[in-house]
Amino acid sequence: MNKLVFVVDDNDANLTMAASSLEADYNVLTMPSAEKMFLLLQKKRPDLILLDIEMPEMTGLEAIVKLKEDSQYKDIPVLFLTGWSDEKLLSDAKNAGALEVLKKPIIPASLRDSVKKYI
């Protein structure tokens, strides 16, 4: 059975690129916000979450803190996607529990390698 990957990003192009990069090897569900991710988590448990850092309403950093505080979800591996290169932001992402921070634009082979490493 294929592993399930959630991709959470407020940019449709990023969702499409990530899904097309991974769908040959994984079941991929995309969602445009962390709020939608938390709703879907009530029904499905992913094997890994790809999470954009900069989103409206709830940022990726806020979402990972919420995930890691919940015993049901704290063990789900989280990789961040970001266009930012600010060192403090990248450090905050790692300190919050992200296993890796991947830079946008998404490079399909790098994304596949990173996901494979943690699933």
PDB file of N, CA and C in Angstrom:
ATOM      1  N   MET A   1       0.843  -1.200   0.000  1.00  0.00           N
ATOM      2  CA  MET A   1       0.000   0.000   0.000  1.00  0.00           C
ATOM      3  C   MET A   1       0.874   1.246   0.000  1.00  0.00           C
ATOM      4  N   ASN A   2       0.519   2.192  -0.858  1.00  0.00           N
ATOM      5  CA  ASN A   2       1.301   3.419  -0.935  1.00  0.00           C
ATOM      6  C   ASN A   2       1.146   4.253   0.325  1.00  0.00           C
ATOM      7  N   LYS A   3       2.218   4.898   0.684  1.00  0.00           N
ATOM      8  CA  LYS A   3       2.214   5.815   1.818  1.00  0.00           C
ATOM      9  C   LYS A   3       1.461   7.089   1.423  1.00  0.00           C
ATOM     10  N   LEU A   4       0.907   7.761   2.446  1.00  0.00           N
ATOM     11  CA  LEU A   4       0.120   8.968   2.228  1.00  0.00           C
ATOM     12  C   LEU A   4       0.931  10.206   2.609  1.00  0.00           C
ATOM     13  N   VAL A   5       0.981  11.170   1.690  1.00  0.00           N
ATOM     14  CA  VAL A   5       1.670  12.436   1.913  1.00  0.00           C
ATOM     15  C   VAL A   5       0.650  13.570   1.807  1.00  0.00           C
ATOM     16  N   PHE A   6       0.622  14.437   2.818  1.00  0.00           N
ATOM     17  CA  PHE A   6      -0.166  15.665   2.753  1.00  0.00           C
ATOM     18  C   PHE A   6       0.761  16.766   2.250  1.00  0.00           C
ATOM     19  N   VAL A   7       0.280  17.567   1.303  1.00  0.00           N
ATOM     20  CA  VAL A   7       1.006  18.747   0.847  1.00  0.00           C
ATOM     21  C   VAL A   7       0.120  19.947   1.160  1.00  0.00           C
ATOM     22  N   VAL A   8       0.637  20.861   1.981  1.00  0.00           N
ATOM     23  CA  VAL A   8      -0.137  22.014   2.432  1.00  0.00           C
ATOM     24  C   VAL A   8       0.570  23.284   1.972  1.00  0.00           C
ATOM     25  N   ASP A   9      -0.092  24.032   1.077  1.00  0.00           N
ATOM     26  CA  ASP A   9       0.501  25.247   0.524  1.00  0.00           C
ATOM     27  C   ASP A   9      -0.642  26.108  -0.018  1.00  0.00           C
ATOM     28  N   ASP A  10      -0.550  27.409   0.162  1.00  0.00           N
ATOM     29  CA  ASP A  10      -1.609  28.297  -0.325  1.00  0.00           C
ATOM     30  C   ASP A  10      -1.430  28.659  -1.802  1.00  0.00           C
ATOM     31  N   ASN A  11      -0.399  28.127  -2.447  1.00  0.00           N
ATOM     32  CA  ASN A  11      -0.144  28.403  -3.860  1.00  0.00           C
ATOM     33  C   ASN A  11      -0.466  27.158  -4.685  1.00  0.00           C
ATOM     34  N   ASP A  12      -1.433  27.283  -5.591  1.00  0.00           N
ATOM     35  CA  ASP A  12      -1.864  26.149  -6.413  1.00  0.00           C
ATOM     36  C   ASP A  12      -0.731  25.553  -7.244  1.00  0.00           C
ATOM     37  N   ALA A  13       0.145  26.399  -7.772  1.00  0.00           N
ATOM     38  CA  ALA A  13       1.250  25.898  -8.598  1.00  0.00           C
ATOM     39  C   ALA A  13       2.182  25.010  -7.774  1.00  0.00           C
ATOM     40  N   ASN A  14       2.429  25.392  -6.531  1.00  0.00           N
ATOM     41  CA  ASN A  14       3.284  24.576  -5.659  1.00  0.00           C
ATOM     42  C   ASN A  14       2.609  23.252  -5.318  1.00  0.00           C
ATOM     43  N   LEU A  15       1.303  23.291  -5.074  1.00  0.00           N
ATOM     44  CA  LEU A  15       0.564  22.056  -4.789  1.00  0.00           C
ATOM     45  C   LEU A  15       0.643  21.103  -5.982  1.00  0.00           C
ATOM     46  N   THR A  16       0.436  21.650  -7.176  1.00  0.00           N
ATOM     47  CA  THR A  16       0.469  20.840  -8.395  1.00  0.00           C
ATOM     48  C   THR A  16       1.852  20.251  -8.629  1.00  0.00           C
ATOM     49  N   MET A  17       2.880  21.058  -8.471  1.00  0.00           N
ATOM     50  CA  MET A  17       4.255  20.597  -8.693  1.00  0.00           C
ATOM     51  C   MET A  17       4.630  19.499  -7.691  1.00  0.00           C
ATOM     52  N   ALA A  18       4.308  19.697  -6.431  1.00  0.00           N
ATOM     53  CA  ALA A  18       4.636  18.688  -5.415  1.00  0.00           C
ATOM     54  C   ALA A  18       3.872  17.394  -5.673  1.00  0.00           C
ATOM     55  N   ALA A  19       2.589  17.512  -5.978  1.00  0.00           N
ATOM     56  CA  ALA A  19       1.772  16.318  -6.230  1.00  0.00           C
ATOM     57  C   ALA A  19       2.288  15.555  -7.444  1.00  0.00           C
ATOM     58  N   SER A  20       2.572  16.260  -8.529  1.00  0.00           N
ATOM     59  CA  SER A  20       3.041  15.571  -9.738  1.00  0.00           C
ATOM     60  C   SER A  20       4.422  14.952  -9.520  1.00  0.00           C
ATOM     61  N   SER A  21       5.216  15.526  -8.647  1.00  0.00           N
ATOM     62  CA  SER A  21       6.542  14.976  -8.351  1.00  0.00           C
ATOM     63  C   SER A  21       6.471  13.695  -7.528  1.00  0.00           C
ATOM     64  N   LEU A  22       5.414  13.550  -6.734  1.00  0.00           N
ATOM     65  CA  LEU A  22       5.338  12.446  -5.776  1.00  0.00           C
ATOM     66  C   LEU A  22       4.316  11.366  -6.108  1.00  0.00           C
ATOM     67  N   GLU A  23       3.338  11.662  -6.966  1.00  0.00           N
ATOM     68  CA  GLU A  23       2.197  10.764  -7.124  1.00  0.00           C
ATOM     69  C   GLU A  23       2.531   9.400  -7.731  1.00  0.00           C
ATOM     70  N   ALA A  24       3.675   9.247  -8.355  1.00  0.00           N
ATOM     71  CA  ALA A  24       4.049   7.933  -8.887  1.00  0.00           C
ATOM     72  C   ALA A  24       4.385   6.950  -7.758  1.00  0.00           C
ATOM     73  N   ASP A  25       4.848   7.490  -6.630  1.00  0.00           N
ATOM     74  CA  ASP A  25       5.291   6.636  -5.520  1.00  0.00           C
ATOM     75  C   ASP A  25       4.431   6.721  -4.266  1.00  0.00           C
ATOM     76  N   TYR A  26       3.597   7.747  -4.165  1.00  0.00           N
ATOM     77  CA  TYR A  26       2.824   7.980  -2.943  1.00  0.00           C
ATOM     78  C   TYR A  26       1.397   8.401  -3.280  1.00  0.00           C
ATOM     79  N   ASN A  27       0.505   8.163  -2.336  1.00  0.00           N
ATOM     80  CA  ASN A  27      -0.814   8.796  -2.405  1.00  0.00           C
ATOM     81  C   ASN A  27      -0.611  10.213  -1.883  1.00  0.00           C
ATOM     82  N   VAL A  28      -1.043  11.186  -2.646  1.00  0.00           N
ATOM     83  CA  VAL A  28      -0.815  12.586  -2.286  1.00  0.00           C
ATOM     84  C   VAL A  28      -2.154  13.299  -2.169  1.00  0.00           C
ATOM     85  N   LEU A  29      -2.347  13.964  -1.049  1.00  0.00           N
ATOM     86  CA  LEU A  29      -3.517  14.827  -0.862  1.00  0.00           C
ATOM     87  C   LEU A  29      -3.015  16.243  -0.675  1.00  0.00           C
ATOM     88  N   THR A  30      -3.557  17.172  -1.465  1.00  0.00           N
ATOM     89  CA  THR A  30      -3.141  18.564  -1.363  1.00  0.00           C
ATOM     90  C   THR A  30      -4.241  19.375  -0.694  1.00  0.00           C
ATOM     91  N   MET A  31      -3.817  20.391   0.020  1.00  0.00           N
ATOM     92  CA  MET A  31      -4.769  21.290   0.665  1.00  0.00           C
ATOM     93  C   MET A  31      -4.182  22.693   0.746  1.00  0.00           C
ATOM     94  N   PRO A  32      -5.046  23.726   0.648  1.00  0.00           N
ATOM     95  CA  PRO A  32      -4.565  25.096   0.543  1.00  0.00           C
ATOM     96  C   PRO A  32      -4.307  25.813   1.868  1.00  0.00           C
ATOM     97  N   SER A  33      -4.524  25.137   2.990  1.00  0.00           N
ATOM     98  CA  SER A  33      -4.325  25.819   4.270  1.00  0.00           C
ATOM     99  C   SER A  33      -4.108  24.815   5.402  1.00  0.00           C
ATOM    100  N   ALA A  34      -3.496  25.307   6.466  1.00  0.00           N
ATOM    101  CA  ALA A  34      -3.288  24.466   7.649  1.00  0.00           C
ATOM    102  C   ALA A  34      -4.633  24.103   8.286  1.00  0.00           C
ATOM    103  N   GLU A  35      -5.593  25.001   8.211  1.00  0.00           N
ATOM    104  CA  GLU A  35      -6.918  24.709   8.765  1.00  0.00           C
ATOM    105  C   GLU A  35      -7.525  23.483   8.089  1.00  0.00           C
ATOM    106  N   LYS A  36      -7.420  23.428   6.759  1.00  0.00           N
ATOM    107  CA  LYS A  36      -7.940  22.263   6.021  1.00  0.00           C
ATOM    108  C   LYS A  36      -7.166  20.999   6.399  1.00  0.00           C
ATOM    109  N   MET A  37      -5.866  21.143   6.614  1.00  0.00           N
ATOM    110  CA  MET A  37      -5.054  20.000   7.023  1.00  0.00           C
ATOM    111  C   MET A  37      -5.561  19.426   8.351  1.00  0.00           C
ATOM    112  N   PHE A  38      -5.834  20.289   9.313  1.00  0.00           N
ATOM    113  CA  PHE A  38      -6.299  19.804  10.613  1.00  0.00           C
ATOM    114  C   PHE A  38      -7.677  19.141  10.514  1.00  0.00           C
ATOM    115  N   LEU A  39      -8.525  19.628   9.627  1.00  0.00           N
ATOM    116  CA  LEU A  39      -9.816  18.976   9.399  1.00  0.00           C
ATOM    117  C   LEU A  39      -9.620  17.578   8.806  1.00  0.00           C
ATOM    118  N   LEU A  40      -8.720  17.473   7.827  1.00  0.00           N
ATOM    119  CA  LEU A  40      -8.471  16.184   7.188  1.00  0.00           C
ATOM    120  C   LEU A  40      -7.767  15.206   8.127  1.00  0.00           C
ATOM    121  N   LEU A  41      -6.955  15.716   9.037  1.00  0.00           N
ATOM    122  CA  LEU A  41      -6.271  14.854  10.007  1.00  0.00           C
ATOM    123  C   LEU A  41      -7.267  14.083  10.883  1.00  0.00           C
ATOM    124  N   GLN A  42      -8.469  14.598  11.019  1.00  0.00           N
ATOM    125  CA  GLN A  42      -9.486  13.897  11.809  1.00  0.00           C
ATOM    126  C   GLN A  42      -9.963  12.628  11.097  1.00  0.00           C
ATOM    127  N   LYS A  43      -9.724  12.546   9.776  1.00  0.00           N
ATOM    128  CA  LYS A  43     -10.189  11.413   8.985  1.00  0.00           C
ATOM    129  C   LYS A  43      -9.057  10.538   8.463  1.00  0.00           C
ATOM    130  N   LYS A  44      -7.907  11.134   8.182  1.00  0.00           N
ATOM    131  CA  LYS A  44      -6.783  10.410   7.584  1.00  0.00           C
ATOM    132  C   LYS A  44      -5.490  10.781   8.295  1.00  0.00           C
ATOM    133  N   ARG A  45      -4.616   9.787   8.414  1.00  0.00           N
ATOM    134  CA  ARG A  45      -3.311  10.031   9.023  1.00  0.00           C
ATOM    135  C   ARG A  45      -2.223   9.872   7.956  1.00  0.00           C
ATOM    136  N   PRO A  46      -1.521  10.959   7.639  1.00  0.00           N
ATOM    137  CA  PRO A  46      -0.469  10.867   6.631  1.00  0.00           C
ATOM    138  C   PRO A  46       0.805  10.251   7.206  1.00  0.00           C
ATOM    139  N   ASP A  47       1.635   9.759   6.312  1.00  0.00           N
ATOM    140  CA  ASP A  47       2.941   9.241   6.709  1.00  0.00           C
ATOM    141  C   ASP A  47       3.976  10.357   6.749  1.00  0.00           C
ATOM    142  N   LEU A  48       3.642  11.481   6.107  1.00  0.00           N
ATOM    143  CA  LEU A  48       4.529  12.640   6.078  1.00  0.00           C
ATOM    144  C   LEU A  48       3.710  13.852   5.657  1.00  0.00           C
ATOM    145  N   ILE A  49       4.099  15.026   6.178  1.00  0.00           N
ATOM    146  CA  ILE A  49       3.449  16.284   5.806  1.00  0.00           C
ATOM    147  C   ILE A  49       4.489  17.227   5.217  1.00  0.00           C
ATOM    148  N   LEU A  50       4.205  17.745   4.023  1.00  0.00           N
ATOM    149  CA  LEU A  50       4.983  18.826   3.422  1.00  0.00           C
ATOM    150  C   LEU A  50       4.199  20.101   3.699  1.00  0.00           C
ATOM    151  N   LEU A  51       4.818  21.041   4.377  1.00  0.00           N
ATOM    152  CA  LEU A  51       4.089  22.198   4.897  1.00  0.00           C
ATOM    153  C   LEU A  51       4.782  23.490   4.497  1.00  0.00           C
ATOM    154  N   ASP A  52       4.033  24.363   3.842  1.00  0.00           N
ATOM    155  CA  ASP A  52       4.542  25.691   3.499  1.00  0.00           C
ATOM    156  C   ASP A  52       4.683  26.487   4.793  1.00  0.00           C
ATOM    157  N   ILE A  53       5.724  27.300   4.894  1.00  0.00           N
ATOM    158  CA  ILE A  53       5.908  28.116   6.103  1.00  0.00           C
ATOM    159  C   ILE A  53       4.997  29.338   6.080  1.00  0.00           C
ATOM    160  N   GLU A  54       4.986  30.057   4.964  1.00  0.00           N
ATOM    161  CA  GLU A  54       4.277  31.336   4.895  1.00  0.00           C
ATOM    162  C   GLU A  54       2.901  31.160   4.265  1.00  0.00           C
ATOM    163  N   MET A  55       1.872  31.114   5.127  1.00  0.00           N
ATOM    164  CA  MET A  55       0.491  31.000   4.656  1.00  0.00           C
ATOM    165  C   MET A  55      -0.371  31.969   5.459  1.00  0.00           C
ATOM    166  N   PRO A  56      -1.481  32.423   4.865  1.00  0.00           N
ATOM    167  CA  PRO A  56      -2.394  33.288   5.614  1.00  0.00           C
ATOM    168  C   PRO A  56      -3.121  32.498   6.696  1.00  0.00           C
ATOM    169  N   GLU A  57      -3.723  33.183   7.607  1.00  0.00           N
ATOM    170  CA  GLU A  57      -4.473  32.627   8.730  1.00  0.00           C
ATOM    171  C   GLU A  57      -3.576  31.873   9.705  1.00  0.00           C
ATOM    172  N   MET A  58      -3.115  30.675   9.355  1.00  0.00           N
ATOM    173  CA  MET A  58      -2.207  29.924  10.224  1.00  0.00           C
ATOM    174  C   MET A  58      -0.933  29.626   9.443  1.00  0.00           C
ATOM    175  N   THR A  59       0.209  30.095   9.953  1.00  0.00           N
ATOM    176  CA  THR A  59       1.475  29.836   9.273  1.00  0.00           C
ATOM    177  C   THR A  59       1.905  28.385   9.493  1.00  0.00           C
ATOM    178  N   GLY A  60       2.856  27.959   8.707  1.00  0.00           N
ATOM    179  CA  GLY A  60       3.398  26.621   8.882  1.00  0.00           C
ATOM    180  C   GLY A  60       4.039  26.439  10.248  1.00  0.00           C
ATOM    181  N   LEU A  61       4.684  27.496  10.747  1.00  0.00           N
ATOM    182  CA  LEU A  61       5.295  27.407  12.079  1.00  0.00           C
ATOM    183  C   LEU A  61       4.232  27.224  13.153  1.00  0.00           C
ATOM    184  N   GLU A  62       3.140  27.959  13.041  1.00  0.00           N
ATOM    185  CA  GLU A  62       2.046  27.785  14.007  1.00  0.00           C
ATOM    186  C   GLU A  62       1.450  26.383  13.896  1.00  0.00           C
ATOM    187  N   ALA A  63       1.326  25.895  12.669  1.00  0.00           N
ATOM    188  CA  ALA A  63       0.742  24.569  12.453  1.00  0.00           C
ATOM    189  C   ALA A  63       1.619  23.459  13.019  1.00  0.00           C
ATOM    190  N   ILE A  64       2.933  23.560  12.836  1.00  0.00           N
ATOM    191  CA  ILE A  64       3.796  22.492  13.341  1.00  0.00           C
ATOM    192  C   ILE A  64       3.811  22.478  14.864  1.00  0.00           C
ATOM    193  N   VAL A  65       3.739  23.640  15.481  1.00  0.00           N
ATOM    194  CA  VAL A  65       3.667  23.689  16.947  1.00  0.00           C
ATOM    195  C   VAL A  65       2.406  22.970  17.416  1.00  0.00           C
ATOM    196  N   LYS A  66       1.299  23.245  16.754  1.00  0.00           N
ATOM    197  CA  LYS A  66       0.025  22.587  17.098  1.00  0.00           C
ATOM    198  C   LYS A  66       0.111  21.073  16.881  1.00  0.00           C
ATOM    199  N   LEU A  67       0.737  20.654  15.773  1.00  0.00           N
ATOM    200  CA  LEU A  67       0.909  19.221  15.498  1.00  0.00           C
ATOM    201  C   LEU A  67       1.750  18.552  16.579  1.00  0.00           C
ATOM    202  N   LYS A  68       2.866  19.153  16.912  1.00  0.00           N
ATOM    203  CA  LYS A  68       3.810  18.540  17.849  1.00  0.00           C
ATOM    204  C   LYS A  68       3.285  18.529  19.283  1.00  0.00           C
ATOM    205  N   GLU A  69       2.322  19.411  19.587  1.00  0.00           N
ATOM    206  CA  GLU A  69       1.716  19.422  20.927  1.00  0.00           C
ATOM    207  C   GLU A  69       0.656  18.351  21.091  1.00  0.00           C
ATOM    208  N   ASP A  70       0.188  17.760  19.987  1.00  0.00           N
ATOM    209  CA  ASP A  70      -0.891  16.778  20.028  1.00  0.00           C
ATOM    210  C   ASP A  70      -0.307  15.366  19.940  1.00  0.00           C
ATOM    211  N   SER A  71      -0.591  14.546  20.930  1.00  0.00           N
ATOM    212  CA  SER A  71      -0.003  13.204  20.979  1.00  0.00           C
ATOM    213  C   SER A  71      -0.403  12.338  19.776  1.00  0.00           C
ATOM    214  N   GLN A  72      -1.542  12.630  19.155  1.00  0.00           N
ATOM    215  CA  GLN A  72      -1.962  11.867  17.970  1.00  0.00           C
ATOM    216  C   GLN A  72      -1.103  12.146  16.750  1.00  0.00           C
ATOM    217  N   TYR A  73      -0.537  13.354  16.679  1.00  0.00           N
ATOM    218  CA  TYR A  73       0.130  13.802  15.468  1.00  0.00           C
ATOM    219  C   TYR A  73       1.612  14.093  15.633  1.00  0.00           C
ATOM    220  N   LYS A  74       2.123  14.102  16.849  1.00  0.00           N
ATOM    221  CA  LYS A  74       3.490  14.579  17.084  1.00  0.00           C
ATOM    222  C   LYS A  74       4.566  13.759  16.376  1.00  0.00           C
ATOM    223  N   ASP A  75       4.270  12.487  16.061  1.00  0.00           N
ATOM    224  CA  ASP A  75       5.269  11.634  15.429  1.00  0.00           C
ATOM    225  C   ASP A  75       5.234  11.664  13.892  1.00  0.00           C
ATOM    226  N   ILE A  76       4.308  12.422  13.319  1.00  0.00           N
ATOM    227  CA  ILE A  76       4.250  12.526  11.849  1.00  0.00           C
ATOM    228  C   ILE A  76       5.417  13.396  11.382  1.00  0.00           C
ATOM    229  N   PRO A  77       6.261  12.868  10.488  1.00  0.00           N
ATOM    230  CA  PRO A  77       7.368  13.689   9.989  1.00  0.00           C
ATOM    231  C   PRO A  77       6.847  14.901   9.206  1.00  0.00           C
ATOM    232  N   VAL A  78       7.473  16.056   9.452  1.00  0.00           N
ATOM    233  CA  VAL A  78       7.090  17.289   8.763  1.00  0.00           C
ATOM    234  C   VAL A  78       8.318  17.869   8.073  1.00  0.00           C
ATOM    235  N   LEU A  79       8.151  18.154   6.783  1.00  0.00           N
ATOM    236  CA  LEU A  79       9.165  18.865   6.016  1.00  0.00           C
ATOM    237  C   LEU A  79       8.561  20.195   5.599  1.00  0.00           C
ATOM    238  N   PHE A  80       9.324  21.261   5.760  1.00  0.00           N
ATOM    239  CA  PHE A  80       8.835  22.567   5.342  1.00  0.00           C
ATOM    240  C   PHE A  80       9.235  22.870   3.908  1.00  0.00           C
ATOM    241  N   LEU A  81       8.370  23.592   3.238  1.00  0.00           N
ATOM    242  CA  LEU A  81       8.641  24.159   1.921  1.00  0.00           C
ATOM    243  C   LEU A  81       8.649  25.673   2.085  1.00  0.00           C
ATOM    244  N   THR A  82       9.643  26.349   1.541  1.00  0.00           N
ATOM    245  CA  THR A  82       9.661  27.795   1.665  1.00  0.00           C
ATOM    246  C   THR A  82      10.467  28.452   0.562  1.00  0.00           C
ATOM    247  N   GLY A  83      10.061  29.643   0.233  1.00  0.00           N
ATOM    248  CA  GLY A  83      10.830  30.475  -0.684  1.00  0.00           C
ATOM    249  C   GLY A  83      11.760  31.398   0.086  1.00  0.00           C
ATOM    250  N   TRP A  84      11.637  31.413   1.390  1.00  0.00           N
ATOM    251  CA  TRP A  84      12.427  32.287   2.245  1.00  0.00           C
ATOM    252  C   TRP A  84      13.807  31.696   2.478  1.00  0.00           C
ATOM    253  N   SER A  85      14.785  32.557   2.703  1.00  0.00           N
ATOM    254  CA  SER A  85      16.126  32.082   3.029  1.00  0.00           C
ATOM    255  C   SER A  85      16.638  32.730   4.313  1.00  0.00           C
ATOM    256  N   ASP A  86      15.756  33.360   5.045  1.00  0.00           N
ATOM    257  CA  ASP A  86      16.096  33.992   6.310  1.00  0.00           C
ATOM    258  C   ASP A  86      16.595  32.933   7.304  1.00  0.00           C
ATOM    259  N   GLU A  87      17.798  33.115   7.814  1.00  0.00           N
ATOM    260  CA  GLU A  87      18.408  32.107   8.695  1.00  0.00           C
ATOM    261  C   GLU A  87      17.612  31.901   9.985  1.00  0.00           C
ATOM    262  N   LYS A  88      17.067  32.973  10.552  1.00  0.00           N
ATOM    263  CA  LYS A  88      16.288  32.830  11.784  1.00  0.00           C
ATOM    264  C   LYS A  88      15.026  32.011  11.525  1.00  0.00           C
ATOM    265  N   LEU A  89      14.363  32.276  10.419  1.00  0.00           N
ATOM    266  CA  LEU A  89      13.161  31.523  10.066  1.00  0.00           C
ATOM    267  C   LEU A  89      13.493  30.047   9.873  1.00  0.00           C
ATOM    268  N   LEU A  90      14.585  29.763   9.181  1.00  0.00           N
ATOM    269  CA  LEU A  90      14.984  28.375   8.960  1.00  0.00           C
ATOM    270  C   LEU A  90      15.344  27.699  10.276  1.00  0.00           C
ATOM    271  N   SER A  91      15.997  28.424  11.151  1.00  0.00           N
ATOM    272  CA  SER A  91      16.335  27.893  12.475  1.00  0.00           C
ATOM    273  C   SER A  91      15.068  27.648  13.294  1.00  0.00           C
ATOM    274  N   ASP A  92      14.131  28.587  13.242  1.00  0.00           N
ATOM    275  CA  ASP A  92      12.849  28.426  13.947  1.00  0.00           C
ATOM    276  C   ASP A  92      12.108  27.189  13.450  1.00  0.00           C
ATOM    277  N   ALA A  93      12.159  26.950  12.149  1.00  0.00           N
ATOM    278  CA  ALA A  93      11.481  25.794  11.554  1.00  0.00           C
ATOM    279  C   ALA A  93      12.062  24.495  12.098  1.00  0.00           C
ATOM    280  N   LYS A  94      13.373  24.411  12.154  1.00  0.00           N
ATOM    281  CA  LYS A  94      14.032  23.206  12.689  1.00  0.00           C
ATOM    282  C   LYS A  94      13.731  23.042  14.178  1.00  0.00           C
ATOM    283  N   ASN A  95      13.801  24.138  14.916  1.00  0.00           N
ATOM    284  CA  ASN A  95      13.534  24.082  16.358  1.00  0.00           C
ATOM    285  C   ASN A  95      12.095  23.679  16.665  1.00  0.00           C
ATOM    286  N   ALA A  96      11.186  23.996  15.761  1.00  0.00           N
ATOM    287  CA  ALA A  96       9.770  23.653  15.960  1.00  0.00           C
ATOM    288  C   ALA A  96       9.503  22.175  15.677  1.00  0.00           C
ATOM    289  N   GLY A  97      10.461  21.495  15.045  1.00  0.00           N
ATOM    290  CA  GLY A  97      10.285  20.068  14.811  1.00  0.00           C
ATOM    291  C   GLY A  97      10.347  19.619  13.365  1.00  0.00           C
ATOM    292  N   ALA A  98      10.604  20.544  12.436  1.00  0.00           N
ATOM    293  CA  ALA A  98      10.729  20.145  11.035  1.00  0.00           C
ATOM    294  C   ALA A  98      12.005  19.330  10.853  1.00  0.00           C
ATOM    295  N   LEU A  99      11.909  18.254  10.098  1.00  0.00           N
ATOM    296  CA  LEU A  99      13.077  17.422   9.839  1.00  0.00           C
ATOM    297  C   LEU A  99      13.985  18.041   8.783  1.00  0.00           C
ATOM    298  N   GLU A 100      13.367  18.795   7.884  1.00  0.00           N
ATOM    299  CA  GLU A 100      14.133  19.406   6.796  1.00  0.00           C
ATOM    300  C   GLU A 100      13.359  20.611   6.283  1.00  0.00           C
ATOM    301  N   VAL A 101      14.085  21.574   5.738  1.00  0.00           N
ATOM    302  CA  VAL A 101      13.469  22.742   5.111  1.00  0.00           C
ATOM    303  C   VAL A 101      13.899  22.739   3.646  1.00  0.00           C
ATOM    304  N   LEU A 102      12.922  22.571   2.760  1.00  0.00           N
ATOM    305  CA  LEU A 102      13.183  22.508   1.321  1.00  0.00           C
ATOM    306  C   LEU A 102      12.872  23.860   0.691  1.00  0.00           C
ATOM    307  N   LYS A 103      13.764  24.289  -0.187  1.00  0.00           N
ATOM    308  CA  LYS A 103      13.599  25.590  -0.829  1.00  0.00           C
ATOM    309  C   LYS A 103      12.701  25.493  -2.055  1.00  0.00           C
ATOM    310  N   LYS A 104      11.905  26.537  -2.248  1.00  0.00           N
ATOM    311  CA  LYS A 104      11.134  26.698  -3.475  1.00  0.00           C
ATOM    312  C   LYS A 104      11.972  27.532  -4.426  1.00  0.00           C
ATOM    313  N   PRO A 105      11.846  27.396  -5.716  1.00  0.00           N
ATOM    314  CA  PRO A 105      10.910  26.505  -6.375  1.00  0.00           C
ATOM    315  C   PRO A 105      11.296  25.038  -6.152  1.00  0.00           C
ATOM    316  N   ILE A 106      10.275  24.212  -6.171  1.00  0.00           N
ATOM    317  CA  ILE A 106      10.438  22.790  -5.909  1.00  0.00           C
ATOM    318  C   ILE A 106      11.228  22.132  -7.041  1.00  0.00           C
ATOM    319  N   ILE A 107      12.243  21.379  -6.662  1.00  0.00           N
ATOM    320  CA  ILE A 107      12.999  20.564  -7.625  1.00  0.00           C
ATOM    321  C   ILE A 107      12.511  19.132  -7.422  1.00  0.00           C
ATOM    322  N   PRO A 108      11.791  18.576  -8.394  1.00  0.00           N
ATOM    323  CA  PRO A 108      11.147  17.273  -8.209  1.00  0.00           C
ATOM    324  C   PRO A 108      12.055  16.174  -7.665  1.00  0.00           C
ATOM    325  N   ALA A 109      13.252  16.016  -8.197  1.00  0.00           N
ATOM    326  CA  ALA A 109      14.144  14.937  -7.742  1.00  0.00           C
ATOM    327  C   ALA A 109      14.554  15.145  -6.285  1.00  0.00           C
ATOM    328  N   SER A 110      14.827  16.375  -5.898  1.00  0.00           N
ATOM    329  CA  SER A 110      15.204  16.676  -4.509  1.00  0.00           C
ATOM    330  C   SER A 110      14.037  16.421  -3.569  1.00  0.00           C
ATOM    331  N   LEU A 111      12.848  16.794  -4.002  1.00  0.00           N
ATOM    332  CA  LEU A 111      11.658  16.564  -3.190  1.00  0.00           C
ATOM    333  C   LEU A 111      11.446  15.065  -2.977  1.00  0.00           C
ATOM    334  N   ARG A 112      11.529  14.287  -4.048  1.00  0.00           N
ATOM    335  CA  ARG A 112      11.365  12.830  -3.933  1.00  0.00           C
ATOM    336  C   ARG A 112      12.407  12.223  -2.995  1.00  0.00           C
ATOM    337  N   ASP A 113      13.650  12.669  -3.125  1.00  0.00           N
ATOM    338  CA  ASP A 113      14.721  12.154  -2.262  1.00  0.00           C
ATOM    339  C   ASP A 113      14.455  12.466  -0.793  1.00  0.00           C
ATOM    340  N   SER A 114      14.016  13.677  -0.509  1.00  0.00           N
ATOM    341  CA  SER A 114      13.760  14.069   0.876  1.00  0.00           C
ATOM    342  C   SER A 114      12.586  13.301   1.464  1.00  0.00           C
ATOM    343  N   VAL A 115      11.512  13.155   0.696  1.00  0.00           N
ATOM    344  CA  VAL A 115      10.338  12.421   1.185  1.00  0.00           C
ATOM    345  C   VAL A 115      10.718  10.963   1.437  1.00  0.00           C
ATOM    346  N   LYS A 116      11.438  10.374   0.510  1.00  0.00           N
ATOM    347  CA  LYS A 116      11.840   8.968   0.644  1.00  0.00           C
ATOM    348  C   LYS A 116      12.696   8.749   1.900  1.00  0.00           C
ATOM    349  N   LYS A 117      13.528   9.732   2.219  1.00  0.00           N
ATOM    350  CA  LYS A 117      14.414   9.633   3.375  1.00  0.00           C
ATOM    351  C   LYS A 117      13.635   9.492   4.697  1.00  0.00           C
ATOM    352  N   TYR A 118      12.464  10.123   4.767  1.00  0.00           N
ATOM    353  CA  TYR A 118      11.730  10.168   6.034  1.00  0.00           C
ATOM    354  C   TYR A 118      10.522   9.249   6.099  1.00  0.00           C
ATOM    355  N   ILE A 119      10.186   8.584   4.988  1.00  0.00           N
ATOM    356  CA  ILE A 119       9.056   7.634   5.010  1.00  0.00           C
ATOM    357  C   ILE A 119       9.615   6.225   5.089  1.00  0.00           C
TER     358      ILE A 119
END
